Amino acid sequence: DFDDQVKFIYLIGALKGAAARTVEGLAVTSECYGIAKRMLEERYGNPKRIKSILECDLNKLPKCSENASTKQIRGLMYRMVGILRQLETMGEDINTIHTEGMVRRLFPKWIIMQITPQLDENQPWSMEETRKAIDKVIQLEEYATLLRGPLERITLAATTTSPEKSTSRSKNKSAKKH
């Protein structure tokens, strides 16, 4: 069990932004740990306010573009899941049609197209199952990128090159030769 001064040191290291500024002027002592804790609880201890802030954070998440890198997509997933888990620990149901719609809005179409067949349509929508499906697609994309480079997206279903693509490629090659 740590004494209050050590706890205060850890607390200061964990705080960022406005929360860090809230306790900034306090001396790092055992006595001030209790003061800092009360100050933070007064400012940030309202569960209704915290839920509201987390909802705002969810709504501010930027949508990934269709050509977003797997690093960007994974970063978005981690931020989104982190916020949702905080809401869940506060008693909020994260397995809602609202959350499903948000996922479909935030992630690129190619991700949504690949996760949809993986989700059991006979079961209620689940954020955890969706997270696992997105993670699986990202892992496959990362693996394919390691093998082939970032030139093309993989799909879980077999694909073929359309005639238009092969025709335009051959036209481009012949145009470059002339």
N, C-alpha and C. Protein backbone atom coordinates (compact mmCIF):
# COMPACT_ATOMS: atom_id res chain seq x y z
N ASP A 1 0.85 -1.18 0.00
CA ASP A 1 0.00 0.00 0.00
C ASP A 1 0.90 1.25 0.00
N PHE A 2 0.62 2.16 -0.94
CA PHE A 2 1.43 3.37 -1.07
C PHE A 2 0.97 4.45 -0.10
N ASP A 3 1.91 5.29 0.32
CA ASP A 3 1.49 6.42 1.14
C ASP A 3 0.92 7.50 0.22
N ASP A 4 0.25 8.48 0.80
CA ASP A 4 -0.47 9.48 0.01
C ASP A 4 0.45 10.33 -0.87
N GLN A 5 1.69 10.56 -0.45
CA GLN A 5 2.60 11.35 -1.26
C GLN A 5 2.93 10.61 -2.56
N VAL A 6 3.18 9.31 -2.46
CA VAL A 6 3.47 8.51 -3.66
C VAL A 6 2.24 8.47 -4.57
N LYS A 7 1.06 8.32 -3.98
CA LYS A 7 -0.18 8.34 -4.77
C LYS A 7 -0.32 9.66 -5.50
N PHE A 8 0.04 10.76 -4.83
CA PHE A 8 -0.06 12.08 -5.44
C PHE A 8 0.90 12.20 -6.62
N ILE A 9 2.09 11.66 -6.48
CA ILE A 9 3.06 11.68 -7.57
C ILE A 9 2.49 10.93 -8.78
N TYR A 10 1.92 9.76 -8.55
CA TYR A 10 1.30 9.00 -9.65
C TYR A 10 0.13 9.76 -10.25
N LEU A 11 -0.68 10.37 -9.40
CA LEU A 11 -1.83 11.14 -9.88
C LEU A 11 -1.39 12.27 -10.78
N ILE A 12 -0.41 13.03 -10.35
CA ILE A 12 0.09 14.15 -11.16
C ILE A 12 0.61 13.65 -12.51
N GLY A 13 1.29 12.52 -12.50
CA GLY A 13 1.80 11.96 -13.75
C GLY A 13 0.70 11.51 -14.70
N ALA A 14 -0.45 11.17 -14.16
CA ALA A 14 -1.55 10.67 -14.99
C ALA A 14 -2.44 11.79 -15.53
N LEU A 15 -2.42 12.94 -14.88
CA LEU A 15 -3.31 14.03 -15.28
C LEU A 15 -2.77 14.78 -16.49
N LYS A 16 -3.71 15.26 -17.31
CA LYS A 16 -3.35 16.04 -18.49
C LYS A 16 -4.32 17.22 -18.61
N GLY A 17 -3.92 18.24 -19.35
CA GLY A 17 -4.80 19.35 -19.67
C GLY A 17 -5.35 20.07 -18.45
N ALA A 18 -6.66 20.35 -18.51
CA ALA A 18 -7.33 21.11 -17.45
C ALA A 18 -7.26 20.40 -16.11
N ALA A 19 -7.32 19.08 -16.11
CA ALA A 19 -7.23 18.34 -14.84
C ALA A 19 -5.87 18.55 -14.19
N ALA A 20 -4.80 18.56 -14.99
CA ALA A 20 -3.46 18.79 -14.45
C ALA A 20 -3.35 20.21 -13.90
N ARG A 21 -3.96 21.16 -14.62
CA ARG A 21 -3.91 22.56 -14.16
C ARG A 21 -4.70 22.75 -12.87
N THR A 22 -5.70 21.91 -12.63
CA THR A 22 -6.51 22.01 -11.41
C THR A 22 -5.66 21.83 -10.15
N VAL A 23 -4.68 20.94 -10.20
CA VAL A 23 -3.86 20.65 -9.01
C VAL A 23 -2.44 21.19 -9.12
N GLU A 24 -2.20 21.98 -10.12
CA GLU A 24 -0.86 22.45 -10.45
C GLU A 24 -0.15 23.20 -9.31
N GLY A 25 -0.85 24.00 -8.55
CA GLY A 25 -0.19 24.82 -7.53
C GLY A 25 0.02 24.13 -6.19
N LEU A 26 -0.41 22.89 -6.08
CA LEU A 26 -0.30 22.19 -4.80
C LEU A 26 1.08 21.57 -4.61
N ALA A 27 1.58 21.62 -3.39
CA ALA A 27 2.85 20.96 -3.06
C ALA A 27 2.62 19.45 -3.08
N VAL A 28 3.64 18.72 -3.49
CA VAL A 28 3.53 17.26 -3.57
C VAL A 28 3.82 16.68 -2.19
N THR A 29 2.77 16.69 -1.36
CA THR A 29 2.87 16.16 0.01
C THR A 29 1.68 15.24 0.27
N SER A 30 1.80 14.46 1.31
CA SER A 30 0.70 13.57 1.70
C SER A 30 -0.57 14.37 1.99
N GLU A 31 -0.43 15.52 2.65
CA GLU A 31 -1.59 16.33 3.00
C GLU A 31 -2.28 16.88 1.76
N CYS A 32 -1.49 17.28 0.78
CA CYS A 32 -2.07 17.87 -0.44
C CYS A 32 -2.73 16.83 -1.35
N TYR A 33 -2.38 15.57 -1.18
CA TYR A 33 -3.03 14.52 -1.98
C TYR A 33 -4.54 14.53 -1.73
N GLY A 34 -4.94 14.59 -0.47
CA GLY A 34 -6.37 14.64 -0.12
C GLY A 34 -7.04 15.87 -0.69
N ILE A 35 -6.34 17.00 -0.65
CA ILE A 35 -6.88 18.25 -1.20
C ILE A 35 -7.05 18.11 -2.71
N ALA A 36 -6.03 17.59 -3.38
CA ALA A 36 -6.09 17.41 -4.83
C ALA A 36 -7.23 16.48 -5.22
N LYS A 37 -7.36 15.41 -4.48
CA LYS A 37 -8.42 14.43 -4.76
C LYS A 37 -9.80 15.08 -4.65
N ARG A 38 -10.01 15.87 -3.59
CA ARG A 38 -11.30 16.57 -3.41
C ARG A 38 -11.54 17.58 -4.53
N MET A 39 -10.49 18.31 -4.92
CA MET A 39 -10.63 19.30 -5.99
C MET A 39 -11.04 18.63 -7.29
N LEU A 40 -10.41 17.52 -7.60
CA LEU A 40 -10.74 16.80 -8.84
C LEU A 40 -12.13 16.19 -8.78
N GLU A 41 -12.51 15.65 -7.62
CA GLU A 41 -13.86 15.08 -7.47
C GLU A 41 -14.93 16.15 -7.62
N GLU A 42 -14.67 17.35 -7.08
CA GLU A 42 -15.64 18.44 -7.21
C GLU A 42 -15.81 18.84 -8.67
N ARG A 43 -14.69 18.88 -9.38
CA ARG A 43 -14.76 19.34 -10.76
C ARG A 43 -15.18 18.25 -11.73
N TYR A 44 -14.71 17.03 -11.52
CA TYR A 44 -14.93 15.96 -12.49
C TYR A 44 -15.74 14.78 -11.94
N GLY A 45 -16.23 14.88 -10.73
CA GLY A 45 -16.89 13.74 -10.10
C GLY A 45 -18.37 13.60 -10.38
N ASN A 46 -18.94 14.43 -11.22
CA ASN A 46 -20.36 14.36 -11.54
C ASN A 46 -20.57 13.35 -12.68
N PRO A 47 -21.12 12.16 -12.39
CA PRO A 47 -21.27 11.13 -13.42
C PRO A 47 -22.08 11.59 -14.63
N LYS A 48 -23.11 12.38 -14.39
CA LYS A 48 -23.94 12.87 -15.50
C LYS A 48 -23.10 13.75 -16.44
N ARG A 49 -22.28 14.60 -15.84
CA ARG A 49 -21.42 15.49 -16.63
C ARG A 49 -20.36 14.68 -17.38
N ILE A 50 -19.79 13.69 -16.71
CA ILE A 50 -18.77 12.85 -17.35
C ILE A 50 -19.36 12.11 -18.55
N LYS A 51 -20.55 11.55 -18.38
CA LYS A 51 -21.22 10.85 -19.49
C LYS A 51 -21.46 11.81 -20.65
N SER A 52 -21.87 13.01 -20.33
CA SER A 52 -22.12 14.01 -21.36
C SER A 52 -20.84 14.36 -22.11
N ILE A 53 -19.75 14.51 -21.39
CA ILE A 53 -18.46 14.81 -22.01
C ILE A 53 -18.02 13.64 -22.90
N LEU A 54 -18.19 12.42 -22.41
CA LEU A 54 -17.81 11.24 -23.20
C LEU A 54 -18.66 11.15 -24.47
N GLU A 55 -19.95 11.43 -24.37
CA GLU A 55 -20.82 11.44 -25.55
C GLU A 55 -20.33 12.48 -26.56
N CYS A 56 -19.96 13.66 -26.08
CA CYS A 56 -19.42 14.70 -26.96
C CYS A 56 -18.13 14.22 -27.63
N ASP A 57 -17.27 13.57 -26.84
CA ASP A 57 -16.02 13.04 -27.40
C ASP A 57 -16.30 12.03 -28.51
N LEU A 58 -17.30 11.18 -28.30
CA LEU A 58 -17.67 10.20 -29.34
C LEU A 58 -18.12 10.91 -30.61
N ASN A 59 -18.95 11.93 -30.44
CA ASN A 59 -19.48 12.65 -31.60
C ASN A 59 -18.41 13.45 -32.33
N LYS A 60 -17.31 13.77 -31.65
CA LYS A 60 -16.23 14.54 -32.27
C LYS A 60 -15.20 13.66 -32.99
N LEU A 61 -15.33 12.33 -32.84
CA LEU A 61 -14.35 11.46 -33.49
C LEU A 61 -14.39 11.69 -35.00
N PRO A 62 -13.22 11.84 -35.63
CA PRO A 62 -13.20 12.09 -37.07
C PRO A 62 -13.47 10.82 -37.86
N LYS A 63 -14.20 10.97 -38.94
CA LYS A 63 -14.49 9.85 -39.83
C LYS A 63 -13.22 9.50 -40.61
N CYS A 64 -12.96 8.21 -40.77
CA CYS A 64 -11.81 7.77 -41.57
C CYS A 64 -12.16 7.85 -43.05
N SER A 65 -11.23 8.33 -43.85
CA SER A 65 -11.45 8.36 -45.29
C SER A 65 -11.31 6.95 -45.86
N GLU A 66 -11.76 6.76 -47.07
CA GLU A 66 -11.69 5.44 -47.71
C GLU A 66 -10.25 4.96 -47.87
N ASN A 67 -9.31 5.89 -48.00
CA ASN A 67 -7.91 5.47 -48.18
C ASN A 67 -7.09 5.65 -46.90
N ALA A 68 -7.77 5.65 -45.76
CA ALA A 68 -7.07 5.77 -44.47
C ALA A 68 -6.16 4.56 -44.27
N SER A 69 -5.04 4.79 -43.63
CA SER A 69 -4.10 3.70 -43.35
C SER A 69 -4.65 2.83 -42.22
N THR A 70 -4.12 1.63 -42.12
CA THR A 70 -4.55 0.75 -41.03
C THR A 70 -4.18 1.37 -39.68
N LYS A 71 -3.10 2.12 -39.64
CA LYS A 71 -2.70 2.79 -38.40
C LYS A 71 -3.76 3.81 -37.99
N GLN A 72 -4.28 4.58 -38.95
CA GLN A 72 -5.33 5.56 -38.66
C GLN A 72 -6.62 4.86 -38.23
N ILE A 73 -6.97 3.78 -38.92
CA ILE A 73 -8.20 3.05 -38.60
C ILE A 73 -8.09 2.43 -37.22
N ARG A 74 -6.95 1.83 -36.93
CA ARG A 74 -6.75 1.21 -35.61
C ARG A 74 -6.79 2.29 -34.51
N GLY A 75 -6.18 3.44 -34.78
CA GLY A 75 -6.21 4.54 -33.81
C GLY A 75 -7.63 5.00 -33.52
N LEU A 76 -8.44 5.12 -34.57
CA LEU A 76 -9.84 5.49 -34.38
C LEU A 76 -10.56 4.43 -33.56
N MET A 77 -10.32 3.17 -33.88
CA MET A 77 -10.99 2.09 -33.16
C MET A 77 -10.62 2.14 -31.67
N TYR A 78 -9.33 2.33 -31.37
CA TYR A 78 -8.89 2.38 -29.97
C TYR A 78 -9.54 3.56 -29.23
N ARG A 79 -9.58 4.74 -29.88
CA ARG A 79 -10.19 5.90 -29.24
C ARG A 79 -11.68 5.66 -28.98
N MET A 80 -12.37 5.13 -30.00
CA MET A 80 -13.80 4.89 -29.88
C MET A 80 -14.09 3.85 -28.80
N VAL A 81 -13.38 2.74 -28.83
CA VAL A 81 -13.61 1.67 -27.85
C VAL A 81 -13.27 2.16 -26.44
N GLY A 82 -12.22 2.97 -26.31
CA GLY A 82 -11.85 3.51 -25.00
C GLY A 82 -12.97 4.35 -24.41
N ILE A 83 -13.56 5.20 -25.22
CA ILE A 83 -14.67 6.03 -24.75
C ILE A 83 -15.88 5.16 -24.42
N LEU A 84 -16.19 4.21 -25.30
CA LEU A 84 -17.35 3.34 -25.07
C LEU A 84 -17.18 2.50 -23.80
N ARG A 85 -15.98 2.04 -23.55
CA ARG A 85 -15.75 1.24 -22.34
C ARG A 85 -15.93 2.08 -21.08
N GLN A 86 -15.51 3.35 -21.15
CA GLN A 86 -15.74 4.23 -20.00
C GLN A 86 -17.23 4.40 -19.75
N LEU A 87 -17.99 4.60 -20.84
CA LEU A 87 -19.44 4.73 -20.70
C LEU A 87 -20.05 3.44 -20.14
N GLU A 88 -19.55 2.31 -20.62
CA GLU A 88 -20.07 1.02 -20.15
C GLU A 88 -19.82 0.84 -18.66
N THR A 89 -18.63 1.23 -18.19
CA THR A 89 -18.35 1.09 -16.75
C THR A 89 -19.21 2.02 -15.91
N MET A 90 -19.76 3.05 -16.55
CA MET A 90 -20.66 3.96 -15.84
C MET A 90 -22.12 3.51 -15.96
N GLY A 91 -22.33 2.30 -16.50
CA GLY A 91 -23.67 1.75 -16.56
C GLY A 91 -24.42 1.99 -17.86
N GLU A 92 -23.77 2.58 -18.86
CA GLU A 92 -24.44 2.83 -20.14
C GLU A 92 -24.41 1.58 -21.02
N ASP A 93 -25.48 1.36 -21.77
CA ASP A 93 -25.53 0.25 -22.72
C ASP A 93 -24.88 0.72 -24.02
N ILE A 94 -23.79 0.08 -24.40
CA ILE A 94 -23.09 0.49 -25.62
C ILE A 94 -23.51 -0.35 -26.82
N ASN A 95 -24.35 -1.34 -26.62
CA ASN A 95 -24.80 -2.21 -27.71
C ASN A 95 -26.14 -1.72 -28.23
N THR A 96 -26.13 -0.51 -28.77
CA THR A 96 -27.36 0.12 -29.24
C THR A 96 -27.30 0.40 -30.73
N ILE A 97 -28.45 0.67 -31.30
CA ILE A 97 -28.52 1.01 -32.72
C ILE A 97 -27.77 2.33 -32.98
N HIS A 98 -27.75 3.22 -31.99
CA HIS A 98 -27.01 4.48 -32.12
C HIS A 98 -25.51 4.20 -32.28
N THR A 99 -24.98 3.31 -31.46
CA THR A 99 -23.56 2.98 -31.54
C THR A 99 -23.25 2.27 -32.85
N GLU A 100 -24.12 1.38 -33.27
CA GLU A 100 -23.92 0.69 -34.55
C GLU A 100 -23.87 1.70 -35.69
N GLY A 101 -24.79 2.65 -35.69
CA GLY A 101 -24.80 3.69 -36.72
C GLY A 101 -23.53 4.52 -36.70
N MET A 102 -23.03 4.81 -35.51
CA MET A 102 -21.80 5.58 -35.38
C MET A 102 -20.63 4.81 -36.00
N VAL A 103 -20.56 3.50 -35.72
CA VAL A 103 -19.48 2.68 -36.28
C VAL A 103 -19.55 2.72 -37.81
N ARG A 104 -20.75 2.55 -38.35
CA ARG A 104 -20.91 2.56 -39.81
C ARG A 104 -20.56 3.92 -40.41
N ARG A 105 -20.75 4.99 -39.65
CA ARG A 105 -20.42 6.34 -40.13
C ARG A 105 -18.91 6.61 -40.06
N LEU A 106 -18.24 6.11 -39.02
CA LEU A 106 -16.84 6.46 -38.79
C LEU A 106 -15.85 5.68 -39.63
N PHE A 107 -16.15 4.43 -39.92
CA PHE A 107 -15.17 3.58 -40.58
C PHE A 107 -15.39 3.55 -42.09
N PRO A 108 -14.31 3.34 -42.85
CA PRO A 108 -14.42 3.30 -44.30
C PRO A 108 -15.37 2.20 -44.77
N LYS A 109 -15.96 2.45 -45.93
CA LYS A 109 -16.93 1.51 -46.51
C LYS A 109 -16.32 0.12 -46.66
N TRP A 110 -15.05 0.04 -47.07
CA TRP A 110 -14.44 -1.27 -47.30
C TRP A 110 -14.34 -2.07 -46.00
N ILE A 111 -14.18 -1.40 -44.86
CA ILE A 111 -14.17 -2.09 -43.56
C ILE A 111 -15.57 -2.60 -43.25
N ILE A 112 -16.57 -1.74 -43.41
CA ILE A 112 -17.95 -2.12 -43.12
C ILE A 112 -18.38 -3.29 -43.99
N MET A 113 -18.00 -3.26 -45.26
CA MET A 113 -18.37 -4.35 -46.18
C MET A 113 -17.73 -5.67 -45.74
N GLN A 114 -16.56 -5.62 -45.14
CA GLN A 114 -15.90 -6.85 -44.73
C GLN A 114 -16.35 -7.35 -43.36
N ILE A 115 -16.77 -6.44 -42.48
CA ILE A 115 -17.20 -6.92 -41.16
C ILE A 115 -18.65 -7.39 -41.16
N THR A 116 -19.46 -6.86 -42.05
CA THR A 116 -20.89 -7.19 -42.05
C THR A 116 -21.13 -8.69 -42.16
N PRO A 117 -20.47 -9.42 -43.09
CA PRO A 117 -20.71 -10.87 -43.15
C PRO A 117 -20.23 -11.62 -41.91
N GLN A 118 -19.30 -11.04 -41.16
CA GLN A 118 -18.77 -11.71 -39.97
C GLN A 118 -19.72 -11.60 -38.77
N LEU A 119 -20.63 -10.64 -38.81
CA LEU A 119 -21.55 -10.42 -37.68
C LEU A 119 -22.81 -11.25 -37.90
N ASP A 120 -23.24 -11.94 -36.87
CA ASP A 120 -24.42 -12.81 -36.94
C ASP A 120 -25.67 -11.95 -36.97
N GLU A 121 -26.36 -11.95 -38.12
CA GLU A 121 -27.55 -11.10 -38.25
C GLU A 121 -28.72 -11.59 -37.41
N ASN A 122 -28.64 -12.82 -36.90
CA ASN A 122 -29.71 -13.35 -36.05
C ASN A 122 -29.51 -13.00 -34.58
N GLN A 123 -28.40 -12.36 -34.26
CA GLN A 123 -28.09 -11.96 -32.88
C GLN A 123 -28.18 -10.44 -32.77
N PRO A 124 -28.49 -9.94 -31.57
CA PRO A 124 -28.47 -8.48 -31.39
C PRO A 124 -27.07 -7.94 -31.67
N TRP A 125 -27.00 -6.72 -32.18
CA TRP A 125 -25.72 -6.10 -32.50
C TRP A 125 -24.88 -5.98 -31.23
N SER A 126 -23.59 -6.26 -31.34
CA SER A 126 -22.68 -6.22 -30.19
C SER A 126 -21.44 -5.41 -30.56
N MET A 127 -21.12 -4.43 -29.74
CA MET A 127 -19.91 -3.63 -29.96
C MET A 127 -18.67 -4.49 -29.87
N GLU A 128 -18.64 -5.43 -28.94
CA GLU A 128 -17.46 -6.28 -28.77
C GLU A 128 -17.24 -7.15 -30.01
N GLU A 129 -18.31 -7.74 -30.54
CA GLU A 129 -18.17 -8.56 -31.75
C GLU A 129 -17.74 -7.69 -32.94
N THR A 130 -18.27 -6.49 -33.01
CA THR A 130 -17.89 -5.56 -34.08
C THR A 130 -16.43 -5.17 -33.95
N ARG A 131 -15.99 -4.89 -32.73
CA ARG A 131 -14.58 -4.54 -32.50
C ARG A 131 -13.67 -5.68 -32.94
N LYS A 132 -14.03 -6.91 -32.58
CA LYS A 132 -13.23 -8.07 -32.98
C LYS A 132 -13.19 -8.21 -34.50
N ALA A 133 -14.32 -7.99 -35.16
CA ALA A 133 -14.38 -8.10 -36.62
C ALA A 133 -13.52 -7.03 -37.28
N ILE A 134 -13.59 -5.80 -36.78
CA ILE A 134 -12.76 -4.71 -37.33
C ILE A 134 -11.29 -5.03 -37.11
N ASP A 135 -10.95 -5.50 -35.93
CA ASP A 135 -9.56 -5.84 -35.62
C ASP A 135 -9.06 -6.94 -36.56
N LYS A 136 -9.89 -7.91 -36.84
CA LYS A 136 -9.50 -9.01 -37.74
C LYS A 136 -9.22 -8.47 -39.15
N VAL A 137 -10.07 -7.58 -39.63
CA VAL A 137 -9.87 -6.99 -40.96
C VAL A 137 -8.58 -6.17 -40.98
N ILE A 138 -8.34 -5.40 -39.94
CA ILE A 138 -7.12 -4.59 -39.87
C ILE A 138 -5.89 -5.50 -39.85
N GLN A 139 -5.93 -6.57 -39.07
CA GLN A 139 -4.80 -7.50 -39.01
C GLN A 139 -4.54 -8.12 -40.38
N LEU A 140 -5.59 -8.50 -41.09
CA LEU A 140 -5.42 -9.07 -42.43
C LEU A 140 -4.83 -8.04 -43.39
N GLU A 141 -5.30 -6.81 -43.30
CA GLU A 141 -4.78 -5.74 -44.15
C GLU A 141 -3.31 -5.48 -43.84
N GLU A 142 -2.95 -5.45 -42.56
CA GLU A 142 -1.55 -5.24 -42.17
C GLU A 142 -0.68 -6.39 -42.68
N TYR A 143 -1.17 -7.60 -42.58
CA TYR A 143 -0.42 -8.76 -43.05
C TYR A 143 -0.22 -8.68 -44.56
N ALA A 144 -1.28 -8.35 -45.28
CA ALA A 144 -1.18 -8.24 -46.73
C ALA A 144 -0.22 -7.12 -47.12
N THR A 145 -0.23 -6.03 -46.38
CA THR A 145 0.67 -4.92 -46.66
C THR A 145 2.12 -5.34 -46.46
N LEU A 146 2.37 -6.14 -45.43
CA LEU A 146 3.73 -6.65 -45.21
C LEU A 146 4.18 -7.52 -46.38
N LEU A 147 3.27 -8.32 -46.90
CA LEU A 147 3.61 -9.23 -47.99
C LEU A 147 3.72 -8.53 -49.33
N ARG A 148 2.82 -7.59 -49.62
CA ARG A 148 2.72 -7.02 -50.95
C ARG A 148 2.99 -5.53 -51.02
N GLY A 149 2.99 -4.87 -49.91
CA GLY A 149 3.08 -3.42 -49.92
C GLY A 149 1.68 -2.83 -49.87
N PRO A 150 1.58 -1.52 -49.67
CA PRO A 150 0.27 -0.89 -49.46
C PRO A 150 -0.48 -0.59 -50.75
N LEU A 151 -0.28 -1.38 -51.81
CA LEU A 151 -0.86 -1.05 -53.10
C LEU A 151 -2.33 -1.40 -53.24
N GLU A 152 -2.78 -2.45 -52.61
CA GLU A 152 -4.18 -2.84 -52.80
C GLU A 152 -4.78 -3.37 -51.51
N ARG A 153 -6.06 -3.16 -51.38
CA ARG A 153 -6.80 -3.64 -50.21
C ARG A 153 -7.13 -5.11 -50.40
N ILE A 154 -7.05 -5.87 -49.31
CA ILE A 154 -7.46 -7.26 -49.40
C ILE A 154 -8.94 -7.35 -49.12
N THR A 155 -9.55 -8.42 -49.57
CA THR A 155 -10.94 -8.68 -49.22
C THR A 155 -11.01 -10.10 -48.70
N LEU A 156 -12.00 -10.34 -47.87
CA LEU A 156 -12.16 -11.67 -47.32
C LEU A 156 -12.76 -12.62 -48.35
N ALA A 157 -13.52 -12.06 -49.30
CA ALA A 157 -14.10 -12.88 -50.36
C ALA A 157 -13.16 -12.83 -51.56
N ALA A 158 -13.23 -13.85 -52.40
CA ALA A 158 -12.40 -13.87 -53.61
C ALA A 158 -12.85 -12.76 -54.54
N THR A 159 -11.88 -12.08 -55.18
CA THR A 159 -12.21 -11.01 -56.12
C THR A 159 -11.49 -11.27 -57.42
N THR A 160 -12.03 -10.68 -58.46
CA THR A 160 -11.39 -10.77 -59.77
C THR A 160 -11.25 -9.36 -60.31
N THR A 161 -10.34 -9.16 -61.23
CA THR A 161 -10.17 -7.86 -61.85
C THR A 161 -11.26 -7.67 -62.88
N SER A 162 -11.92 -6.52 -62.82
CA SER A 162 -12.99 -6.26 -63.77
C SER A 162 -12.38 -5.94 -65.12
N PRO A 163 -13.13 -6.19 -66.22
CA PRO A 163 -12.60 -5.91 -67.56
C PRO A 163 -12.21 -4.45 -67.73
N GLU A 164 -12.96 -3.52 -67.12
CA GLU A 164 -12.63 -2.10 -67.27
C GLU A 164 -11.25 -1.81 -66.70
N LYS A 165 -10.94 -2.40 -65.55
CA LYS A 165 -9.65 -2.14 -64.92
C LYS A 165 -8.51 -2.70 -65.77
N SER A 166 -8.67 -3.92 -66.27
CA SER A 166 -7.59 -4.50 -67.06
C SER A 166 -7.44 -3.76 -68.38
N THR A 167 -8.55 -3.27 -68.97
CA THR A 167 -8.48 -2.52 -70.21
C THR A 167 -7.78 -1.19 -69.98
N SER A 168 -8.14 -0.50 -68.92
CA SER A 168 -7.53 0.81 -68.66
C SER A 168 -6.05 0.65 -68.33
N ARG A 169 -5.68 -0.43 -67.65
CA ARG A 169 -4.27 -0.66 -67.36
C ARG A 169 -3.49 -0.91 -68.65
N SER A 170 -4.05 -1.72 -69.55
CA SER A 170 -3.33 -2.01 -70.78
C SER A 170 -3.25 -0.77 -71.66
N LYS A 171 -4.29 0.09 -71.64
CA LYS A 171 -4.24 1.34 -72.40
C LYS A 171 -3.15 2.25 -71.84
N ASN A 172 -3.05 2.32 -70.51
CA ASN A 172 -2.03 3.16 -69.87
C ASN A 172 -0.64 2.66 -70.23
N LYS A 173 -0.44 1.34 -70.25
CA LYS A 173 0.87 0.79 -70.58
C LYS A 173 1.22 1.09 -72.03
N SER A 174 0.23 0.94 -72.95
CA SER A 174 0.53 1.20 -74.36
C SER A 174 0.73 2.69 -74.60
N ALA A 175 0.03 3.54 -73.84
CA ALA A 175 0.21 4.99 -73.99
C ALA A 175 1.60 5.41 -73.53
N LYS A 176 2.12 4.76 -72.50
CA LYS A 176 3.45 5.09 -71.99
C LYS A 176 4.54 4.66 -72.97
N LYS A 177 4.29 3.60 -73.74
CA LYS A 177 5.28 3.11 -74.68
C LYS A 177 5.44 4.06 -75.86
N HIS A 178 4.36 4.79 -76.24
CA HIS A 178 4.40 5.65 -77.42
C HIS A 178 4.94 7.00 -77.15
